[in-house]
Amino acid sequence: MLRKIAAVSLAVSFVAMATSGLMMFVIEKPSFTIQMHPVHKVFGLFMILAAITHLSLNFRGLINHLRTKSIAIYGSALVAALVLLYGIAINNEIPAELAEQMDAAAAKVEQ
């Protein structure tokens, strides 16, 4: 039963994250991004929980996949891209005054 719940939760969360993320990507307005943020954030948490459950239930299968050299290289490249993009994002600071305004607007919308 847990496997079924995890699978459905992961699928619905993926759809929610993908659609809200794509909308924020296509509609490049900070106001729209702030408006969609609660949906993206809540389903992001659901997706994390569902993914952890899914991975724990299927850990052996994942390890078996990683024994294939090309898949291990592909996974390593994805991890490297993730670390690189996190590094770029963290070092791309927003000016403090602008960040305060954006944070205040997001807090107001999320109330």
C-alpha atoms as a PDB file:
ATOM      1  CA  MET A   1       0.000   0.000   0.000  1.00  0.00           C
ATOM      2  CA  LEU A   2       2.866   2.403   0.842  1.00  0.00           C
ATOM      3  CA  ARG A   3       4.395   1.762  -2.582  1.00  0.00           C
ATOM      4  CA  LYS A   4       1.113   2.717  -4.291  1.00  0.00           C
ATOM      5  CA  ILE A   5       0.709   5.873  -2.195  1.00  0.00           C
ATOM      6  CA  ALA A   6       4.314   6.885  -2.898  1.00  0.00           C
ATOM      7  CA  ALA A   7       3.888   6.300  -6.633  1.00  0.00           C
ATOM      8  CA  VAL A   8       0.681   8.349  -6.880  1.00  0.00           C
ATOM      9  CA  SER A   9       2.095  11.116  -4.655  1.00  0.00           C
ATOM     10  CA  LEU A  10       5.260  11.270  -6.736  1.00  0.00           C
ATOM     11  CA  ALA A  11       3.301  11.407  -9.998  1.00  0.00           C
ATOM     12  CA  VAL A  12       0.910  14.151  -8.867  1.00  0.00           C
ATOM     13  CA  SER A  13       3.717  16.144  -7.242  1.00  0.00           C
ATOM     14  CA  PHE A  14       5.781  15.867 -10.416  1.00  0.00           C
ATOM     15  CA  VAL A  15       2.900  17.206 -12.510  1.00  0.00           C
ATOM     16  CA  ALA A  16       2.353  20.076 -10.058  1.00  0.00           C
ATOM     17  CA  MET A  17       6.056  20.956  -9.908  1.00  0.00           C
ATOM     18  CA  ALA A  18       6.521  20.637 -13.663  1.00  0.00           C
ATOM     19  CA  THR A  19       3.480  22.720 -14.605  1.00  0.00           C
ATOM     20  CA  SER A  20       4.071  25.454 -12.027  1.00  0.00           C
ATOM     21  CA  GLY A  21       7.783  25.548 -12.899  1.00  0.00           C
ATOM     22  CA  LEU A  22       7.113  25.730 -16.621  1.00  0.00           C
ATOM     23  CA  MET A  23       4.543  28.479 -16.121  1.00  0.00           C
ATOM     24  CA  MET A  24       7.058  30.484 -14.074  1.00  0.00           C
ATOM     25  CA  PHE A  25       9.661  29.861 -16.778  1.00  0.00           C
ATOM     26  CA  VAL A  26       7.384  30.955 -19.638  1.00  0.00           C
ATOM     27  CA  ILE A  27       5.660  33.841 -17.848  1.00  0.00           C
ATOM     28  CA  GLU A  28       8.756  35.757 -16.825  1.00  0.00           C
ATOM     29  CA  LYS A  29       7.115  38.156 -14.400  1.00  0.00           C
ATOM     30  CA  PRO A  30       8.349  38.272 -10.810  1.00  0.00           C
ATOM     31  CA  SER A  31       4.770  38.945  -9.689  1.00  0.00           C
ATOM     32  CA  PHE A  32       3.596  35.700 -11.313  1.00  0.00           C
ATOM     33  CA  THR A  33       6.523  33.766  -9.832  1.00  0.00           C
ATOM     34  CA  ILE A  34       5.612  35.046  -6.369  1.00  0.00           C
ATOM     35  CA  GLN A  35       1.957  34.169  -7.031  1.00  0.00           C
ATOM     36  CA  MET A  36       2.842  30.571  -8.007  1.00  0.00           C
ATOM     37  CA  HIS A  37       5.431  30.121  -5.253  1.00  0.00           C
ATOM     38  CA  PRO A  38       3.047  28.590  -2.642  1.00  0.00           C
ATOM     39  CA  VAL A  39       1.899  25.888  -5.086  1.00  0.00           C
ATOM     40  CA  HIS A  40       5.463  25.139  -6.139  1.00  0.00           C
ATOM     41  CA  LYS A  41       6.718  25.072  -2.547  1.00  0.00           C
ATOM     42  CA  VAL A  42       3.967  22.824  -1.110  1.00  0.00           C
ATOM     43  CA  PHE A  43       4.147  20.282  -3.910  1.00  0.00           C
ATOM     44  CA  GLY A  44       7.936  20.441  -3.748  1.00  0.00           C
ATOM     45  CA  LEU A  45       7.715  19.201  -0.156  1.00  0.00           C
ATOM     46  CA  PHE A  46       5.269  16.454  -1.161  1.00  0.00           C
ATOM     47  CA  MET A  47       7.589  15.476  -3.985  1.00  0.00           C
ATOM     48  CA  ILE A  48      10.579  15.248  -1.645  1.00  0.00           C
ATOM     49  CA  LEU A  49       8.697  12.985   0.764  1.00  0.00           C
ATOM     50  CA  ALA A  50       7.353  10.825  -2.063  1.00  0.00           C
ATOM     51  CA  ALA A  51      10.777  10.594  -3.716  1.00  0.00           C
ATOM     52  CA  ILE A  52      12.481   9.585  -0.462  1.00  0.00           C
ATOM     53  CA  THR A  53       9.826   6.919   0.086  1.00  0.00           C
ATOM     54  CA  HIS A  54      10.118   5.720  -3.517  1.00  0.00           C
ATOM     55  CA  LEU A  55      13.914   5.574  -3.339  1.00  0.00           C
ATOM     56  CA  SER A  56      13.886   3.703  -0.049  1.00  0.00           C
ATOM     57  CA  LEU A  57      11.428   1.148  -1.451  1.00  0.00           C
ATOM     58  CA  ASN A  58      13.462   0.743  -4.657  1.00  0.00           C
ATOM     59  CA  PHE A  59      17.018   1.241  -3.429  1.00  0.00           C
ATOM     60  CA  ARG A  60      18.314  -2.113  -4.682  1.00  0.00           C
ATOM     61  CA  GLY A  61      17.022  -1.394  -8.169  1.00  0.00           C
ATOM     62  CA  LEU A  62      18.750   1.985  -8.201  1.00  0.00           C
ATOM     63  CA  ILE A  63      22.037   0.415  -7.147  1.00  0.00           C
ATOM     64  CA  ASN A  64      21.656  -2.184  -9.904  1.00  0.00           C
ATOM     65  CA  HIS A  65      21.129   0.582 -12.466  1.00  0.00           C
ATOM     66  CA  LEU A  66      24.256   2.380 -11.268  1.00  0.00           C
ATOM     67  CA  ARG A  67      26.355  -0.726 -11.892  1.00  0.00           C
ATOM     68  CA  THR A  68      26.033   0.014 -15.608  1.00  0.00           C
ATOM     69  CA  LYS A  69      29.036   2.209 -16.410  1.00  0.00           C
ATOM     70  CA  SER A  70      27.239   4.513 -18.860  1.00  0.00           C
ATOM     71  CA  ILE A  71      24.396   5.112 -16.385  1.00  0.00           C
ATOM     72  CA  ALA A  72      26.878   5.833 -13.582  1.00  0.00           C
ATOM     73  CA  ILE A  73      28.660   8.359 -15.825  1.00  0.00           C
ATOM     74  CA  TYR A  74      25.339   9.956 -16.783  1.00  0.00           C
ATOM     75  CA  GLY A  75      24.306  10.207 -13.119  1.00  0.00           C
ATOM     76  CA  SER A  76      27.687  11.683 -12.216  1.00  0.00           C
ATOM     77  CA  ALA A  77      27.324  14.291 -14.976  1.00  0.00           C
ATOM     78  CA  LEU A  78      23.892  15.255 -13.627  1.00  0.00           C
ATOM     79  CA  VAL A  79      25.292  15.606 -10.104  1.00  0.00           C
ATOM     80  CA  ALA A  80      28.166  17.735 -11.441  1.00  0.00           C
ATOM     81  CA  ALA A  81      25.699  19.970 -13.330  1.00  0.00           C
ATOM     82  CA  LEU A  82      23.598  20.326 -10.174  1.00  0.00           C
ATOM     83  CA  VAL A  83      26.603  21.333  -8.060  1.00  0.00           C
ATOM     84  CA  LEU A  84      27.781  23.775 -10.749  1.00  0.00           C
ATOM     85  CA  LEU A  85      24.367  25.414 -11.068  1.00  0.00           C
ATOM     86  CA  TYR A  86      23.984  25.672  -7.293  1.00  0.00           C
ATOM     87  CA  GLY A  87      27.399  27.347  -7.161  1.00  0.00           C
ATOM     88  CA  ILE A  88      26.427  29.823  -9.870  1.00  0.00           C
ATOM     89  CA  ALA A  89      23.075  30.579  -8.209  1.00  0.00           C
ATOM     90  CA  ILE A  90      24.562  31.082  -4.751  1.00  0.00           C
ATOM     91  CA  ASN A  91      27.241  33.427  -6.098  1.00  0.00           C
ATOM     92  CA  ASN A  92      24.710  35.454  -8.121  1.00  0.00           C
ATOM     93  CA  GLU A  93      23.574  37.679  -5.269  1.00  0.00           C
ATOM     94  CA  ILE A  94      20.636  40.030  -5.552  1.00  0.00           C
ATOM     95  CA  PRO A  95      21.252  43.536  -4.153  1.00  0.00           C
ATOM     96  CA  ALA A  96      20.071  43.714  -0.520  1.00  0.00           C
ATOM     97  CA  GLU A  97      17.525  46.475  -1.108  1.00  0.00           C
ATOM     98  CA  LEU A  98      15.903  44.634  -4.004  1.00  0.00           C
ATOM     99  CA  ALA A  99      15.967  41.335  -2.103  1.00  0.00           C
ATOM    100  CA  GLU A 100      14.164  42.945   0.849  1.00  0.00           C
ATOM    101  CA  GLN A 101      11.449  44.286  -1.449  1.00  0.00           C
ATOM    102  CA  MET A 102      11.015  40.893  -3.123  1.00  0.00           C
ATOM    103  CA  ASP A 103      10.909  39.077   0.243  1.00  0.00           C
ATOM    104  CA  ALA A 104       8.325  41.524   1.599  1.00  0.00           C
ATOM    105  CA  ALA A 105       6.156  41.117  -1.507  1.00  0.00           C
ATOM    106  CA  ALA A 106       6.365  37.306  -1.315  1.00  0.00           C
ATOM    107  CA  ALA A 107       5.471  37.335   2.388  1.00  0.00           C
ATOM    108  CA  LYS A 108       2.473  39.586   1.692  1.00  0.00           C
ATOM    109  CA  VAL A 109       1.195  37.303  -1.093  1.00  0.00           C
ATOM    110  CA  GLU A 110       1.642  34.139   0.997  1.00  0.00           C
ATOM    111  CA  GLN A 111      -0.465  35.499   3.906  1.00  0.00           C
END
